[in-house]
PDB file of all heavy atoms in Angstrom:
ATOM      1  N   GLN A   1     159.183 109.924  45.120  1.00  0.00           N
ATOM      2  CA  GLN A   1     158.653 109.532  43.815  1.00  0.00           C
ATOM      3  C   GLN A   1     157.222 109.028  43.928  1.00  0.00           C
ATOM      4  O   GLN A   1     156.367 109.354  43.096  1.00  0.00           O
ATOM      5  CB  GLN A   1     159.543 108.450  43.202  1.00  0.00           C
ATOM      6  CG  GLN A   1     160.883 108.967  42.713  1.00  0.00           C
ATOM      7  CD  GLN A   1     161.781 107.833  42.275  1.00  0.00           C
ATOM      8  OE1 GLN A   1     162.349 107.126  43.107  1.00  0.00           O
ATOM      9  NE2 GLN A   1     161.915 107.654  40.991  1.00  0.00           N
ATOM     10  N   GLN A   2     156.961 108.230  44.948  1.00  0.00           N
ATOM     11  CA  GLN A   2     155.617 107.697  45.135  1.00  0.00           C
ATOM     12  C   GLN A   2     154.613 108.810  45.422  1.00  0.00           C
ATOM     13  O   GLN A   2     153.506 108.820  44.879  1.00  0.00           O
ATOM     14  CB  GLN A   2     155.627 106.680  46.275  1.00  0.00           C
ATOM     15  CG  GLN A   2     156.480 105.459  45.988  1.00  0.00           C
ATOM     16  CD  GLN A   2     156.692 104.590  47.210  1.00  0.00           C
ATOM     17  OE1 GLN A   2     155.763 104.360  47.972  1.00  0.00           O
ATOM     18  NE2 GLN A   2     157.918 104.121  47.417  1.00  0.00           N
ATOM     19  N   GLU A   3     155.016 109.749  46.263  1.00  0.00           N
ATOM     20  CA  GLU A   3     154.125 110.857  46.612  1.00  0.00           C
ATOM     21  C   GLU A   3     153.853 111.738  45.395  1.00  0.00           C
ATOM     22  O   GLU A   3     152.709 112.150  45.154  1.00  0.00           O
ATOM     23  CB  GLU A   3     154.755 111.688  47.735  1.00  0.00           C
ATOM     24  CG  GLU A   3     153.930 112.878  48.188  1.00  0.00           C
ATOM     25  CD  GLU A   3     152.666 112.487  48.936  1.00  0.00           C
ATOM     26  OE1 GLU A   3     152.567 111.324  49.383  1.00  0.00           O
ATOM     27  OE2 GLU A   3     151.773 113.342  49.073  1.00  0.00           O
ATOM     28  N   GLU A   4     154.897 112.032  44.620  1.00  0.00           N
ATOM     29  CA  GLU A   4     154.703 112.879  43.440  1.00  0.00           C
ATOM     30  C   GLU A   4     153.783 112.222  42.425  1.00  0.00           C
ATOM     31  O   GLU A   4     152.902 112.878  41.856  1.00  0.00           O
ATOM     32  CB  GLU A   4     156.047 113.197  42.785  1.00  0.00           C
ATOM     33  CG  GLU A   4     155.884 114.100  41.565  1.00  0.00           C
ATOM     34  CD  GLU A   4     157.179 114.341  40.819  1.00  0.00           C
ATOM     35  OE1 GLU A   4     157.965 113.389  40.640  1.00  0.00           O
ATOM     36  OE2 GLU A   4     157.406 115.492  40.401  1.00  0.00           O
ATOM     37  N   LEU A   5     153.972 110.932  42.181  1.00  0.00           N
ATOM     38  CA  LEU A   5     153.128 110.242  41.208  1.00  0.00           C
ATOM     39  C   LEU A   5     151.667 110.278  41.630  1.00  0.00           C
ATOM     40  O   LEU A   5     150.775 110.548  40.819  1.00  0.00           O
ATOM     41  CB  LEU A   5     153.601 108.798  41.045  1.00  0.00           C
ATOM     42  CG  LEU A   5     152.819 107.956  40.040  1.00  0.00           C
ATOM     43  CD1 LEU A   5     152.863 108.571  38.650  1.00  0.00           C
ATOM     44  CD2 LEU A   5     153.363 106.529  40.000  1.00  0.00           C
ATOM     45  N   LYS A   6     151.415 110.027  42.901  1.00  0.00           N
ATOM     46  CA  LYS A   6     150.040 110.047  43.404  1.00  0.00           C
ATOM     47  C   LYS A   6     149.419 111.436  43.241  1.00  0.00           C
ATOM     48  O   LYS A   6     148.277 111.571  42.786  1.00  0.00           O
ATOM     49  CB  LYS A   6     150.033 109.627  44.878  1.00  0.00           C
ATOM     50  CG  LYS A   6     148.659 109.499  45.490  1.00  0.00           C
ATOM     51  CD  LYS A   6     148.707 108.780  46.830  1.00  0.00           C
ATOM     52  CE  LYS A   6     149.604 109.496  47.820  1.00  0.00           C
ATOM     53  NZ  LYS A   6     149.611 108.840  49.148  1.00  0.00           N
ATOM     54  N   LYS A   7     150.177 112.474  43.579  1.00  0.00           N
ATOM     55  CA  LYS A   7     149.645 113.836  43.478  1.00  0.00           C
ATOM     56  C   LYS A   7     149.474 114.258  42.023  1.00  0.00           C
ATOM     57  O   LYS A   7     148.502 114.952  41.685  1.00  0.00           O
ATOM     58  CB  LYS A   7     150.556 114.805  44.228  1.00  0.00           C
ATOM     59  CG  LYS A   7     150.475 114.610  45.735  1.00  0.00           C
ATOM     60  CD  LYS A   7     151.132 115.716  46.512  1.00  0.00           C
ATOM     61  CE  LYS A   7     150.835 115.543  47.995  1.00  0.00           C
ATOM     62  NZ  LYS A   7     151.466 116.589  48.827  1.00  0.00           N
ATOM     63  N   ASN A   8     150.407 113.858  41.167  1.00  0.00           N
ATOM     64  CA  ASN A   8     150.257 114.189  39.753  1.00  0.00           C
ATOM     65  C   ASN A   8     148.997 113.557  39.170  1.00  0.00           C
ATOM     66  O   ASN A   8     148.298 114.170  38.351  1.00  0.00           O
ATOM     67  CB  ASN A   8     151.484 113.734  38.967  1.00  0.00           C
ATOM     68  CG  ASN A   8     152.600 114.762  38.969  1.00  0.00           C
ATOM     69  OD1 ASN A   8     152.409 115.896  39.404  1.00  0.00           O
ATOM     70  ND2 ASN A   8     153.770 114.376  38.491  1.00  0.00           N
ATOM     71  N   CYS A   9     148.714 112.336  39.568  1.00  0.00           N
ATOM     72  CA  CYS A   9     147.513 111.669  39.051  1.00  0.00           C
ATOM     73  C   CYS A   9     146.242 112.344  39.570  1.00  0.00           C
ATOM     74  O   CYS A   9     145.246 112.436  38.848  1.00  0.00           O
ATOM     75  CB  CYS A   9     147.543 110.187  39.395  1.00  0.00           C
ATOM     76  SG  CYS A   9     148.767 109.273  38.415  1.00  0.00           S
ATOM     77  N   ASN A  10     146.281 112.842  40.813  1.00  0.00           N
ATOM     78  CA  ASN A  10     145.138 113.602  41.324  1.00  0.00           C
ATOM     79  C   ASN A  10     144.950 114.899  40.540  1.00  0.00           C
ATOM     80  O   ASN A  10     143.825 115.274  40.183  1.00  0.00           O
ATOM     81  CB  ASN A  10     145.329 113.914  42.813  1.00  0.00           C
ATOM     82  CG  ASN A  10     145.174 112.689  43.686  1.00  0.00           C
ATOM     83  OD1 ASN A  10     144.528 111.719  43.300  1.00  0.00           O
ATOM     84  ND2 ASN A  10     145.770 112.720  44.875  1.00  0.00           N
ATOM     85  N   LEU A  11     146.057 115.594  40.276  1.00  0.00           N
ATOM     86  CA  LEU A  11     145.987 116.811  39.457  1.00  0.00           C
ATOM     87  C   LEU A  11     145.511 116.484  38.047  1.00  0.00           C
ATOM     88  O   LEU A  11     144.752 117.249  37.442  1.00  0.00           O
ATOM     89  CB  LEU A  11     147.362 117.483  39.402  1.00  0.00           C
ATOM     90  CG  LEU A  11     147.861 118.168  40.674  1.00  0.00           C
ATOM     91  CD1 LEU A  11     149.309 118.615  40.493  1.00  0.00           C
ATOM     92  CD2 LEU A  11     146.977 119.354  41.047  1.00  0.00           C
ATOM     93  N   GLY A  12     145.958 115.336  37.537  1.00  0.00           N
ATOM     94  CA  GLY A  12     145.546 114.919  36.204  1.00  0.00           C
ATOM     95  C   GLY A  12     144.052 114.714  36.107  1.00  0.00           C
ATOM     96  O   GLY A  12     143.417 115.132  35.125  1.00  0.00           O
ATOM     97  N   GLN A  13     143.470 114.089  37.112  1.00  0.00           N
ATOM     98  CA  GLN A  13     142.025 113.884  37.093  1.00  0.00           C
ATOM     99  C   GLN A  13     141.287 115.215  37.194  1.00  0.00           C
ATOM    100  O   GLN A  13     140.267 115.428  36.528  1.00  0.00           O
ATOM    101  CB  GLN A  13     141.600 112.961  38.243  1.00  0.00           C
ATOM    102  CG  GLN A  13     140.139 112.549  38.175  1.00  0.00           C
ATOM    103  CD  GLN A  13     139.767 111.944  36.827  1.00  0.00           C
ATOM    104  OE1 GLN A  13     140.383 110.975  36.386  1.00  0.00           O
ATOM    105  NE2 GLN A  13     138.776 112.530  36.152  1.00  0.00           N
ATOM    106  N   TYR A  14     141.810 116.121  38.006  1.00  0.00           N
ATOM    107  CA  TYR A  14     141.215 117.451  38.125  1.00  0.00           C
ATOM    108  C   TYR A  14     141.249 118.184  36.782  1.00  0.00           C
ATOM    109  O   TYR A  14     140.261 118.821  36.385  1.00  0.00           O
ATOM    110  CB  TYR A  14     141.975 118.246  39.190  1.00  0.00           C
ATOM    111  CG  TYR A  14     141.411 119.611  39.473  1.00  0.00           C
ATOM    112  CD1 TYR A  14     140.309 119.776  40.304  1.00  0.00           C
ATOM    113  CD2 TYR A  14     141.992 120.749  38.917  1.00  0.00           C
ATOM    114  CE1 TYR A  14     139.793 121.041  40.569  1.00  0.00           C
ATOM    115  CE2 TYR A  14     141.489 122.015  39.165  1.00  0.00           C
ATOM    116  CZ  TYR A  14     140.390 122.156  39.992  1.00  0.00           C
ATOM    117  OH  TYR A  14     139.876 123.407  40.242  1.00  0.00           O
ATOM    118  N   ALA A  15     142.391 118.080  36.090  1.00  0.00           N
ATOM    119  CA  ALA A  15     142.516 118.728  34.777  1.00  0.00           C
ATOM    120  C   ALA A  15     141.545 118.121  33.772  1.00  0.00           C
ATOM    121  O   ALA A  15     140.920 118.845  32.972  1.00  0.00           O
ATOM    122  CB  ALA A  15     143.952 118.598  34.274  1.00  0.00           C
ATOM    123  N   ARG A  16     141.389 116.812  33.785  1.00  0.00           N
ATOM    124  CA  ARG A  16     140.464 116.156  32.860  1.00  0.00           C
ATOM    125  C   ARG A  16     139.023 116.587  33.133  1.00  0.00           C
ATOM    126  O   ARG A  16     138.238 116.733  32.208  1.00  0.00           O
ATOM    127  CB  ARG A  16     140.599 114.637  32.979  1.00  0.00           C
ATOM    128  CG  ARG A  16     141.760 114.073  32.172  1.00  0.00           C
ATOM    129  CD  ARG A  16     141.840 112.572  32.293  1.00  0.00           C
ATOM    130  NE  ARG A  16     140.525 111.928  32.271  1.00  0.00           N
ATOM    131  CZ  ARG A  16     139.782 111.752  31.183  1.00  0.00           C
ATOM    132  NH1 ARG A  16     140.227 112.167  30.014  1.00  0.00           N
ATOM    133  NH2 ARG A  16     138.611 111.169  31.278  1.00  0.00           N
ATOM    134  N   ASP A  17     138.694 116.798  34.401  1.00  0.00           N
ATOM    135  CA  ASP A  17     137.350 117.295  34.730  1.00  0.00           C
ATOM    136  C   ASP A  17     137.109 118.669  34.129  1.00  0.00           C
ATOM    137  O   ASP A  17     135.951 119.056  33.904  1.00  0.00           O
ATOM    138  CB  ASP A  17     137.168 117.352  36.255  1.00  0.00           C
ATOM    139  CG  ASP A  17     137.109 115.970  36.896  1.00  0.00           C
ATOM    140  OD1 ASP A  17     136.882 114.986  36.163  1.00  0.00           O
ATOM    141  OD2 ASP A  17     137.317 115.881  38.124  1.00  0.00           O
ATOM    142  N   ARG A  18     138.209 119.378  33.847  1.00  0.00           N
ATOM    143  CA  ARG A  18     138.114 120.705  33.219  1.00  0.00           C
ATOM    144  C   ARG A  18     138.228 120.638  31.701  1.00  0.00           C
ATOM    145  O   ARG A  18     138.349 121.673  31.034  1.00  0.00           O
ATOM    146  CB  ARG A  18     139.218 121.611  33.783  1.00  0.00           C
ATOM    147  CG  ARG A  18     139.132 121.867  35.292  1.00  0.00           C
ATOM    148  CD  ARG A  18     138.111 122.933  35.624  1.00  0.00           C
ATOM    149  NE  ARG A  18     138.493 124.205  35.020  1.00  0.00           N
ATOM    150  CZ  ARG A  18     139.306 125.097  35.610  1.00  0.00           C
ATOM    151  NH1 ARG A  18     139.800 124.848  36.806  1.00  0.00           N
ATOM    152  NH2 ARG A  18     139.602 126.232  35.008  1.00  0.00           N
ATOM    153  N   GLY A  19     138.245 119.434  31.140  1.00  0.00           N
ATOM    154  CA  GLY A  19     138.283 119.273  29.691  1.00  0.00           C
ATOM    155  C   GLY A  19     139.658 119.263  29.081  1.00  0.00           C
ATOM    156  O   GLY A  19     139.801 119.392  27.859  1.00  0.00           O
ATOM    157  N   VAL A  20     140.706 119.091  29.906  1.00  0.00           N
ATOM    158  CA  VAL A  20     142.090 119.095  29.424  1.00  0.00           C
ATOM    159  C   VAL A  20     142.632 117.666  29.438  1.00  0.00           C
ATOM    160  O   VAL A  20     142.534 116.957  30.441  1.00  0.00           O
ATOM    161  CB  VAL A  20     142.979 120.000  30.315  1.00  0.00           C
ATOM    162  CG1 VAL A  20     144.442 119.912  29.892  1.00  0.00           C
ATOM    163  CG2 VAL A  20     142.486 121.448  30.249  1.00  0.00           C
ATOM    164  N   GLN A  21     143.217 117.237  28.317  1.00  0.00           N
ATOM    165  CA  GLN A  21     143.819 115.911  28.243  1.00  0.00           C
ATOM    166  C   GLN A  21     145.146 115.890  29.018  1.00  0.00           C
ATOM    167  O   GLN A  21     145.846 116.900  29.086  1.00  0.00           O
ATOM    168  CB  GLN A  21     144.072 115.526  26.787  1.00  0.00           C
ATOM    169  CG  GLN A  21     142.820 115.433  25.935  1.00  0.00           C
ATOM    170  CD  GLN A  21     143.160 114.990  24.532  1.00  0.00           C
ATOM    171  OE1 GLN A  21     143.129 113.800  24.215  1.00  0.00           O
ATOM    172  NE2 GLN A  21     143.499 115.934  23.677  1.00  0.00           N
ATOM    173  N   VAL A  22     145.500 114.697  29.545  1.00  0.00           N
ATOM    174  CA  VAL A  22     146.626 114.605  30.473  1.00  0.00           C
ATOM    175  C   VAL A  22     147.521 113.411  30.159  1.00  0.00           C
ATOM    176  O   VAL A  22     147.040 112.308  29.885  1.00  0.00           O
ATOM    177  CB  VAL A  22     146.118 114.483  31.936  1.00  0.00           C
ATOM    178  CG1 VAL A  22     147.284 114.254  32.900  1.00  0.00           C
ATOM    179  CG2 VAL A  22     145.331 115.727  32.335  1.00  0.00           C
ATOM    180  N   ILE A  23     148.825 113.665  30.228  1.00  0.00           N
ATOM    181  CA  ILE A  23     149.865 112.637  30.213  1.00  0.00           C
ATOM    182  C   ILE A  23     150.613 112.724  31.530  1.00  0.00           C
ATOM    183  O   ILE A  23     150.853 113.826  32.039  1.00  0.00           O
ATOM    184  CB  ILE A  23     150.852 112.857  29.039  1.00  0.00           C
ATOM    185  CG1 ILE A  23     150.168 112.621  27.692  1.00  0.00           C
ATOM    186  CG2 ILE A  23     152.090 111.973  29.169  1.00  0.00           C
ATOM    187  CD1 ILE A  23     150.994 113.059  26.511  1.00  0.00           C
ATOM    188  N   ILE A  24     150.977 111.582  32.093  1.00  0.00           N
ATOM    189  CA  ILE A  24     151.756 111.556  33.331  1.00  0.00           C
ATOM    190  C   ILE A  24     153.172 111.079  33.036  1.00  0.00           C
ATOM    191  O   ILE A  24     153.371 110.067  32.370  1.00  0.00           O
ATOM    192  CB  ILE A  24     151.124 110.612  34.376  1.00  0.00           C
ATOM    193  CG1 ILE A  24     149.702 111.058  34.723  1.00  0.00           C
ATOM    194  CG2 ILE A  24     151.999 110.530  35.629  1.00  0.00           C
ATOM    195  CD1 ILE A  24     149.606 112.348  35.496  1.00  0.00           C
ATOM    196  N   GLU A  25     154.154 111.828  33.530  1.00  0.00           N
ATOM    197  CA  GLU A  25     155.545 111.396  33.440  1.00  0.00           C
ATOM    198  C   GLU A  25     155.907 110.680  34.738  1.00  0.00           C
ATOM    199  O   GLU A  25     155.679 111.216  35.828  1.00  0.00           O
ATOM    200  CB  GLU A  25     156.463 112.594  33.231  1.00  0.00           C
ATOM    201  CG  GLU A  25     156.189 113.359  31.942  1.00  0.00           C
ATOM    202  CD  GLU A  25     157.165 114.495  31.716  1.00  0.00           C
ATOM    203  OE1 GLU A  25     158.249 114.488  32.338  1.00  0.00           O
ATOM    204  OE2 GLU A  25     156.840 115.395  30.913  1.00  0.00           O
ATOM    205  N   GLY A  26     156.460 109.481  34.610  1.00  0.00           N
ATOM    206  CA  GLY A  26     156.817 108.738  35.817  1.00  0.00           C
ATOM    207  C   GLY A  26     157.618 107.499  35.488  1.00  0.00           C
ATOM    208  O   GLY A  26     157.723 107.099  34.329  1.00  0.00           O
ATOM    209  N   ALA A  27     158.179 106.899  36.538  1.00  0.00           N
ATOM    210  CA  ALA A  27     158.945 105.655  36.420  1.00  0.00           C
ATOM    211  C   ALA A  27     160.162 105.800  35.511  1.00  0.00           C
ATOM    212  O   ALA A  27     160.682 104.811  35.004  1.00  0.00           O
ATOM    213  CB  ALA A  27     158.049 104.518  35.929  1.00  0.00           C
ATOM    214  N   GLY A  28     160.609 107.037  35.305  1.00  0.00           N
ATOM    215  CA  GLY A  28     161.771 107.262  34.445  1.00  0.00           C
ATOM    216  C   GLY A  28     163.024 107.557  35.252  1.00  0.00           C
ATOM    217  O   GLY A  28     163.093 107.295  36.449  1.00  0.00           O
ATOM    218  N   GLY A  29     164.026 108.090  34.569  1.00  0.00           N
ATOM    219  CA  GLY A  29     165.308 108.360  35.216  1.00  0.00           C
ATOM    220  C   GLY A  29     166.191 107.132  35.205  1.00  0.00           C
ATOM    221  O   GLY A  29     166.259 106.404  34.210  1.00  0.00           O
TER     222      GLY A  29
END
């Protein structure tokens, strides 16, 4: 879970650099 959250946030920043808005799913279940 920790690894996925970190990688998702890195992907999220990359997407935002491309002009795409981002939501992160986490801490659920």
